[in-house]
Amino acid sequence: MQSYRRIGGYAVLAVILCVLCVNSIAFFRSLDRLMEASKNVAHTQQTRDLLAAFMMAVLNAETGQRGYLMTSDSQYLAPYH
């Protein structure tokens, strides 16, 4: 009878260890996906910032060109160059 209890205790321990291993694997996979998503978000933000800076430079060049055409003052062409 005691050998059955001992075997049952080992079985419970083995099940608990298996559950902990599966839980750890799931946690690390989830953490890996979270890190990858974080890198993607950072890249997207960097790309968005670069596009915004580019659009601002184009807007300033257009405004400078317009100012030069209206006034013939070459100082307005500084953003254009």
N, C-alpha and C. Protein backbone atom coordinates (compact mmCIF):
# COMPACT_ATOMS: atom_id res chain seq x y z
N MET A 1 0.81 -1.20 0.00
CA MET A 1 0.00 0.00 0.00
C MET A 1 0.86 1.27 0.00
N GLN A 2 1.94 1.21 0.78
CA GLN A 2 2.81 2.38 0.84
C GLN A 2 3.52 2.61 -0.48
N SER A 3 3.83 1.59 -1.24
CA SER A 3 4.49 1.77 -2.51
C SER A 3 3.57 2.49 -3.50
N TYR A 4 2.24 2.21 -3.40
CA TYR A 4 1.29 2.93 -4.26
C TYR A 4 1.24 4.42 -3.91
N ARG A 5 1.31 4.73 -2.63
CA ARG A 5 1.31 6.13 -2.20
C ARG A 5 2.59 6.83 -2.69
N ARG A 6 3.69 6.11 -2.59
CA ARG A 6 4.95 6.68 -3.03
C ARG A 6 4.92 6.93 -4.54
N ILE A 7 4.40 5.99 -5.30
CA ILE A 7 4.29 6.14 -6.75
C ILE A 7 3.32 7.26 -7.08
N GLY A 8 2.21 7.33 -6.35
CA GLY A 8 1.23 8.41 -6.57
C GLY A 8 1.83 9.77 -6.26
N GLY A 9 2.64 9.86 -5.24
CA GLY A 9 3.31 11.11 -4.89
C GLY A 9 4.28 11.55 -5.96
N TYR A 10 5.02 10.56 -6.51
CA TYR A 10 5.94 10.87 -7.60
C TYR A 10 5.19 11.31 -8.86
N ALA A 11 4.06 10.68 -9.10
CA ALA A 11 3.26 11.04 -10.27
C ALA A 11 2.76 12.48 -10.15
N VAL A 12 2.29 12.84 -8.97
CA VAL A 12 1.82 14.22 -8.74
C VAL A 12 2.98 15.19 -8.92
N LEU A 13 4.13 14.84 -8.38
CA LEU A 13 5.31 15.68 -8.52
C LEU A 13 5.70 15.82 -10.00
N ALA A 14 5.65 14.73 -10.75
CA ALA A 14 5.98 14.77 -12.17
C ALA A 14 4.99 15.64 -12.94
N VAL A 15 3.71 15.54 -12.61
CA VAL A 15 2.70 16.37 -13.28
C VAL A 15 2.94 17.84 -12.97
N ILE A 16 3.25 18.15 -11.73
CA ILE A 16 3.51 19.54 -11.34
C ILE A 16 4.73 20.07 -12.09
N LEU A 17 5.79 19.26 -12.17
CA LEU A 17 6.98 19.69 -12.90
C LEU A 17 6.69 19.89 -14.38
N CYS A 18 5.89 19.02 -14.97
CA CYS A 18 5.52 19.17 -16.38
C CYS A 18 4.72 20.45 -16.61
N VAL A 19 3.79 20.72 -15.72
CA VAL A 19 2.99 21.94 -15.83
C VAL A 19 3.89 23.16 -15.71
N LEU A 20 4.83 23.13 -14.78
CA LEU A 20 5.76 24.26 -14.63
C LEU A 20 6.63 24.44 -15.88
N CYS A 21 7.09 23.34 -16.46
CA CYS A 21 7.90 23.44 -17.68
C CYS A 21 7.09 24.02 -18.84
N VAL A 22 5.88 23.53 -19.03
CA VAL A 22 5.02 24.04 -20.10
C VAL A 22 4.72 25.51 -19.88
N ASN A 23 4.44 25.88 -18.63
CA ASN A 23 4.15 27.28 -18.30
C ASN A 23 5.37 28.15 -18.58
N SER A 24 6.56 27.67 -18.24
CA SER A 24 7.78 28.44 -18.49
C SER A 24 8.03 28.62 -19.98
N ILE A 25 7.82 27.56 -20.75
CA ILE A 25 8.00 27.66 -22.20
C ILE A 25 7.01 28.66 -22.80
N ALA A 26 5.76 28.58 -22.37
CA ALA A 26 4.74 29.52 -22.87
C ALA A 26 5.10 30.96 -22.49
N PHE A 27 5.60 31.15 -21.28
CA PHE A 27 5.98 32.49 -20.82
C PHE A 27 7.11 33.05 -21.67
N PHE A 28 8.15 32.25 -21.91
CA PHE A 28 9.29 32.75 -22.68
C PHE A 28 8.92 32.99 -24.14
N ARG A 29 8.05 32.17 -24.70
CA ARG A 29 7.60 32.44 -26.07
C ARG A 29 6.80 33.73 -26.13
N SER A 30 5.96 33.93 -25.14
CA SER A 30 5.17 35.16 -25.09
C SER A 30 6.08 36.37 -24.91
N LEU A 31 7.08 36.23 -24.09
CA LEU A 31 8.04 37.32 -23.87
C LEU A 31 8.81 37.62 -25.15
N ASP A 32 9.18 36.58 -25.89
CA ASP A 32 9.88 36.76 -27.16
C ASP A 32 9.00 37.50 -28.17
N ARG A 33 7.73 37.12 -28.24
CA ARG A 33 6.82 37.82 -29.15
C ARG A 33 6.63 39.28 -28.73
N LEU A 34 6.58 39.53 -27.43
CA LEU A 34 6.45 40.90 -26.93
C LEU A 34 7.67 41.74 -27.30
N MET A 35 8.86 41.16 -27.19
CA MET A 35 10.07 41.89 -27.55
C MET A 35 10.09 42.19 -29.05
N GLU A 36 9.67 41.23 -29.86
CA GLU A 36 9.63 41.45 -31.32
C GLU A 36 8.62 42.54 -31.67
N ALA A 37 7.47 42.53 -31.01
CA ALA A 37 6.46 43.56 -31.26
C ALA A 37 6.98 44.93 -30.83
N SER A 38 7.72 44.96 -29.74
CA SER A 38 8.29 46.22 -29.26
C SER A 38 9.29 46.78 -30.27
N LYS A 39 10.10 45.90 -30.87
CA LYS A 39 11.05 46.34 -31.90
C LYS A 39 10.31 46.88 -33.11
N ASN A 40 9.23 46.22 -33.50
CA ASN A 40 8.44 46.68 -34.64
C ASN A 40 7.82 48.05 -34.38
N VAL A 41 7.33 48.26 -33.16
CA VAL A 41 6.73 49.55 -32.81
C VAL A 41 7.80 50.65 -32.84
N ALA A 42 8.98 50.35 -32.31
CA ALA A 42 10.06 51.35 -32.31
C ALA A 42 10.47 51.69 -33.75
N HIS A 43 10.55 50.68 -34.60
CA HIS A 43 10.90 50.93 -36.00
C HIS A 43 9.83 51.77 -36.68
N THR A 44 8.58 51.46 -36.42
CA THR A 44 7.48 52.22 -37.01
C THR A 44 7.52 53.68 -36.55
N GLN A 45 7.78 53.91 -35.28
CA GLN A 45 7.86 55.28 -34.77
C GLN A 45 9.03 56.03 -35.39
N GLN A 46 10.16 55.34 -35.54
CA GLN A 46 11.32 55.98 -36.16
C GLN A 46 11.03 56.35 -37.61
N THR A 47 10.40 55.45 -38.34
CA THR A 47 10.04 55.72 -39.73
C THR A 47 9.07 56.88 -39.82
N ARG A 48 8.09 56.89 -38.92
CA ARG A 48 7.11 57.98 -38.90
C ARG A 48 7.78 59.32 -38.62
N ASP A 49 8.73 59.35 -37.69
CA ASP A 49 9.44 60.59 -37.38
C ASP A 49 10.27 61.07 -38.57
N LEU A 50 10.92 60.14 -39.25
CA LEU A 50 11.70 60.52 -40.44
C LEU A 50 10.80 61.07 -41.54
N LEU A 51 9.65 60.45 -41.75
CA LEU A 51 8.71 60.95 -42.76
C LEU A 51 8.18 62.33 -42.39
N ALA A 52 7.91 62.54 -41.11
CA ALA A 52 7.43 63.86 -40.67
C ALA A 52 8.51 64.92 -40.89
N ALA A 53 9.76 64.59 -40.60
CA ALA A 53 10.85 65.55 -40.82
C ALA A 53 11.02 65.83 -42.31
N PHE A 54 10.89 64.81 -43.13
CA PHE A 54 10.99 64.99 -44.58
C PHE A 54 9.86 65.88 -45.09
N MET A 55 8.65 65.62 -44.63
CA MET A 55 7.51 66.44 -45.06
C MET A 55 7.67 67.89 -44.62
N MET A 56 8.22 68.10 -43.43
CA MET A 56 8.44 69.46 -42.95
C MET A 56 9.49 70.16 -43.82
N ALA A 57 10.54 69.44 -44.22
CA ALA A 57 11.57 70.03 -45.09
C ALA A 57 10.97 70.39 -46.45
N VAL A 58 10.12 69.53 -46.99
CA VAL A 58 9.48 69.81 -48.28
C VAL A 58 8.56 71.03 -48.15
N LEU A 59 7.82 71.09 -47.06
CA LEU A 59 6.92 72.23 -46.83
C LEU A 59 7.71 73.53 -46.72
N ASN A 60 8.82 73.49 -45.98
CA ASN A 60 9.65 74.70 -45.85
C ASN A 60 10.25 75.11 -47.19
N ALA A 61 10.67 74.15 -48.00
CA ALA A 61 11.23 74.47 -49.32
C ALA A 61 10.17 75.10 -50.21
N GLU A 62 8.96 74.55 -50.19
CA GLU A 62 7.87 75.12 -51.00
C GLU A 62 7.52 76.53 -50.53
N THR A 63 7.49 76.71 -49.22
CA THR A 63 7.18 78.04 -48.68
C THR A 63 8.26 79.04 -49.05
N GLY A 64 9.53 78.60 -48.97
CA GLY A 64 10.63 79.48 -49.35
C GLY A 64 10.58 79.83 -50.82
N GLN A 65 10.27 78.87 -51.66
CA GLN A 65 10.16 79.13 -53.09
C GLN A 65 9.03 80.12 -53.38
N ARG A 66 7.93 79.91 -52.72
CA ARG A 66 6.79 80.82 -52.90
C ARG A 66 7.15 82.24 -52.46
N GLY A 67 7.85 82.35 -51.31
CA GLY A 67 8.27 83.67 -50.83
C GLY A 67 9.21 84.34 -51.82
N TYR A 68 10.12 83.57 -52.41
CA TYR A 68 11.05 84.14 -53.39
C TYR A 68 10.30 84.60 -54.64
N LEU A 69 9.38 83.78 -55.11
CA LEU A 69 8.63 84.17 -56.32
C LEU A 69 7.77 85.41 -56.09
N MET A 70 7.29 85.58 -54.87
CA MET A 70 6.44 86.75 -54.59
C MET A 70 7.26 88.01 -54.36
N THR A 71 8.47 87.87 -53.77
CA THR A 71 9.23 89.06 -53.37
C THR A 71 10.56 89.23 -54.10
N SER A 72 11.05 88.22 -54.77
CA SER A 72 12.36 88.21 -55.42
C SER A 72 13.50 88.39 -54.42
N ASP A 73 13.24 88.08 -53.15
CA ASP A 73 14.26 88.16 -52.10
C ASP A 73 14.90 86.77 -51.97
N SER A 74 16.19 86.67 -52.22
CA SER A 74 16.87 85.36 -52.24
C SER A 74 16.99 84.73 -50.85
N GLN A 75 16.75 85.48 -49.79
CA GLN A 75 16.79 84.91 -48.44
C GLN A 75 15.71 83.83 -48.27
N TYR A 76 14.64 83.94 -49.00
CA TYR A 76 13.56 82.94 -48.90
C TYR A 76 13.97 81.59 -49.48
N LEU A 77 15.03 81.56 -50.27
CA LEU A 77 15.46 80.31 -50.88
C LEU A 77 16.34 79.45 -49.97
N ALA A 78 16.70 79.94 -48.80
CA ALA A 78 17.57 79.17 -47.89
C ALA A 78 17.00 77.78 -47.57
N PRO A 79 15.71 77.66 -47.23
CA PRO A 79 15.19 76.31 -46.98
C PRO A 79 15.14 75.45 -48.24
N TYR A 80 15.04 76.10 -49.38
CA TYR A 80 14.95 75.38 -50.64
C TYR A 80 16.27 74.71 -50.97
N HIS A 81 17.37 75.37 -50.66
CA HIS A 81 18.70 74.82 -50.95
C HIS A 81 19.06 73.83 -49.88
